[in-house]
Amino acid sequence: MDGMSVCPVCDAEPMISDDPVEGELLECEDCGVELEILALDPITLGEAPDAEEDWGE
């Protein structure tokens, strides 16, 4: 891929696999935030939803 997508938190360019999938989760190496691939053309990244939020409540 072109590697032009940037982290919405710190503007770094996280590593994206050669075969990205919409909904795939990855971590920004610079700030450590968990990201989700929201769209593939162009690749759009967003913060991943907090999976542990509201568990057991």
N, C-alpha and C. Protein backbone atom coordinates (compact mmCIF):
# COMPACT_ATOMS: atom_id res chain seq x y z
N MET A 1 0.84 -1.20 0.00
CA MET A 1 0.00 0.00 0.00
C MET A 1 0.88 1.25 0.00
N ASP A 2 0.25 2.40 -0.11
CA ASP A 2 1.02 3.62 -0.28
C ASP A 2 1.57 4.21 1.02
N GLY A 3 1.09 3.75 2.18
CA GLY A 3 1.62 4.23 3.44
C GLY A 3 1.29 5.68 3.75
N MET A 4 0.27 6.23 3.10
CA MET A 4 -0.05 7.64 3.30
C MET A 4 -1.02 7.89 4.45
N SER A 5 -1.56 6.84 5.03
CA SER A 5 -2.50 7.03 6.12
C SER A 5 -1.74 7.40 7.39
N VAL A 6 -2.32 8.28 8.19
CA VAL A 6 -1.64 8.74 9.40
C VAL A 6 -2.51 8.50 10.62
N CYS A 7 -1.86 8.38 11.75
CA CYS A 7 -2.54 8.22 13.03
C CYS A 7 -3.34 9.48 13.33
N PRO A 8 -4.63 9.35 13.67
CA PRO A 8 -5.44 10.53 13.96
C PRO A 8 -5.06 11.19 15.28
N VAL A 9 -4.24 10.53 16.10
CA VAL A 9 -3.85 11.08 17.39
C VAL A 9 -2.54 11.85 17.30
N CYS A 10 -1.53 11.24 16.66
CA CYS A 10 -0.20 11.87 16.67
C CYS A 10 0.36 12.17 15.28
N ASP A 11 -0.37 11.87 14.22
CA ASP A 11 0.04 12.14 12.84
C ASP A 11 1.24 11.31 12.36
N ALA A 12 1.60 10.26 13.11
CA ALA A 12 2.65 9.36 12.63
C ALA A 12 2.05 8.46 11.55
N GLU A 13 2.90 7.76 10.82
CA GLU A 13 2.43 6.82 9.80
C GLU A 13 2.60 5.40 10.32
N PRO A 14 1.53 4.80 10.86
CA PRO A 14 1.67 3.43 11.38
C PRO A 14 1.88 2.42 10.26
N MET A 15 2.51 1.29 10.61
CA MET A 15 2.72 0.21 9.66
C MET A 15 1.38 -0.45 9.35
N ILE A 16 1.06 -0.56 8.09
CA ILE A 16 -0.17 -1.22 7.66
C ILE A 16 0.24 -2.42 6.81
N SER A 17 -0.41 -3.54 7.04
CA SER A 17 -0.06 -4.76 6.31
C SER A 17 -0.24 -4.58 4.81
N ASP A 18 0.39 -5.45 4.04
CA ASP A 18 0.28 -5.38 2.59
C ASP A 18 -1.12 -5.76 2.11
N ASP A 19 -1.89 -6.40 2.97
CA ASP A 19 -3.24 -6.84 2.61
C ASP A 19 -4.22 -6.37 3.69
N PRO A 20 -4.43 -5.04 3.78
CA PRO A 20 -5.29 -4.53 4.86
C PRO A 20 -6.75 -4.93 4.68
N VAL A 21 -7.45 -5.03 5.80
CA VAL A 21 -8.86 -5.41 5.80
C VAL A 21 -9.62 -4.35 6.58
N GLU A 22 -10.76 -3.91 6.04
CA GLU A 22 -11.57 -2.94 6.76
C GLU A 22 -11.96 -3.52 8.12
N GLY A 23 -11.80 -2.74 9.18
CA GLY A 23 -12.09 -3.22 10.52
C GLY A 23 -10.88 -3.80 11.24
N GLU A 24 -9.77 -3.95 10.51
CA GLU A 24 -8.54 -4.48 11.10
C GLU A 24 -8.01 -3.51 12.16
N LEU A 25 -7.50 -4.07 13.25
CA LEU A 25 -6.94 -3.25 14.32
C LEU A 25 -5.42 -3.28 14.23
N LEU A 26 -4.80 -2.14 14.52
CA LEU A 26 -3.35 -2.06 14.59
C LEU A 26 -2.99 -1.04 15.63
N GLU A 27 -1.71 -1.02 16.01
CA GLU A 27 -1.27 -0.10 17.04
C GLU A 27 -0.28 0.89 16.45
N CYS A 28 -0.44 2.15 16.80
CA CYS A 28 0.52 3.17 16.38
C CYS A 28 1.79 2.98 17.20
N GLU A 29 2.92 2.81 16.50
CA GLU A 29 4.18 2.59 17.20
C GLU A 29 4.63 3.85 17.94
N ASP A 30 4.21 5.02 17.49
CA ASP A 30 4.67 6.27 18.09
C ASP A 30 3.94 6.61 19.39
N CYS A 31 2.60 6.55 19.39
CA CYS A 31 1.86 6.98 20.59
C CYS A 31 1.17 5.82 21.31
N GLY A 32 1.14 4.61 20.70
CA GLY A 32 0.61 3.44 21.37
C GLY A 32 -0.90 3.30 21.32
N VAL A 33 -1.60 4.22 20.64
CA VAL A 33 -3.05 4.13 20.57
C VAL A 33 -3.45 3.00 19.63
N GLU A 34 -4.57 2.34 19.93
CA GLU A 34 -5.07 1.28 19.06
C GLU A 34 -5.91 1.92 17.96
N LEU A 35 -5.61 1.55 16.73
CA LEU A 35 -6.28 2.13 15.57
C LEU A 35 -7.10 1.07 14.84
N GLU A 36 -8.10 1.53 14.12
CA GLU A 36 -8.93 0.65 13.31
C GLU A 36 -8.93 1.19 11.89
N ILE A 37 -8.84 0.27 10.90
CA ILE A 37 -8.95 0.68 9.50
C ILE A 37 -10.44 0.87 9.21
N LEU A 38 -10.83 2.12 8.94
CA LEU A 38 -12.24 2.45 8.72
C LEU A 38 -12.63 2.32 7.25
N ALA A 39 -11.70 2.56 6.35
CA ALA A 39 -11.97 2.47 4.91
C ALA A 39 -10.68 2.09 4.21
N LEU A 40 -10.80 1.53 3.02
CA LEU A 40 -9.62 1.04 2.30
C LEU A 40 -9.20 1.90 1.12
N ASP A 41 -10.07 2.72 0.57
CA ASP A 41 -9.73 3.47 -0.64
C ASP A 41 -10.22 4.90 -0.56
N PRO A 42 -9.45 5.83 -0.02
CA PRO A 42 -8.09 5.61 0.51
C PRO A 42 -8.16 5.02 1.91
N ILE A 43 -7.03 4.49 2.39
CA ILE A 43 -7.01 3.93 3.74
C ILE A 43 -7.24 5.05 4.74
N THR A 44 -8.25 4.86 5.56
CA THR A 44 -8.61 5.84 6.58
C THR A 44 -8.53 5.17 7.93
N LEU A 45 -7.79 5.80 8.85
CA LEU A 45 -7.63 5.24 10.18
C LEU A 45 -8.41 6.06 11.20
N GLY A 46 -8.92 5.37 12.21
CA GLY A 46 -9.59 6.03 13.32
C GLY A 46 -9.22 5.31 14.60
N GLU A 47 -9.49 5.95 15.73
CA GLU A 47 -9.23 5.28 17.00
C GLU A 47 -10.17 4.10 17.14
N ALA A 48 -9.63 2.97 17.56
CA ALA A 48 -10.45 1.78 17.76
C ALA A 48 -11.35 2.00 18.98
N PRO A 49 -12.57 1.47 18.93
CA PRO A 49 -13.45 1.59 20.11
C PRO A 49 -12.86 0.85 21.29
N ASP A 50 -13.16 1.32 22.49
CA ASP A 50 -12.66 0.70 23.72
C ASP A 50 -13.41 -0.60 23.97
N ALA A 51 -12.78 -1.74 23.73
CA ALA A 51 -13.47 -3.03 23.87
C ALA A 51 -13.86 -3.32 25.30
N GLU A 52 -13.07 -2.86 26.27
CA GLU A 52 -13.37 -3.21 27.66
C GLU A 52 -14.41 -2.30 28.30
N GLU A 53 -14.83 -1.28 27.59
CA GLU A 53 -15.80 -0.33 28.12
C GLU A 53 -17.15 -1.00 28.36
N ASP A 54 -17.76 -0.73 29.51
CA ASP A 54 -19.09 -1.21 29.87
C ASP A 54 -19.20 -2.72 30.07
N TRP A 55 -18.10 -3.42 30.20
CA TRP A 55 -18.18 -4.87 30.45
C TRP A 55 -18.65 -5.11 31.86
N GLY A 56 -19.64 -5.96 32.02
CA GLY A 56 -20.12 -6.37 33.32
C GLY A 56 -20.89 -5.31 34.08
N GLU A 57 -21.37 -4.30 33.38
CA GLU A 57 -22.13 -3.25 34.06
C GLU A 57 -23.58 -3.30 33.69
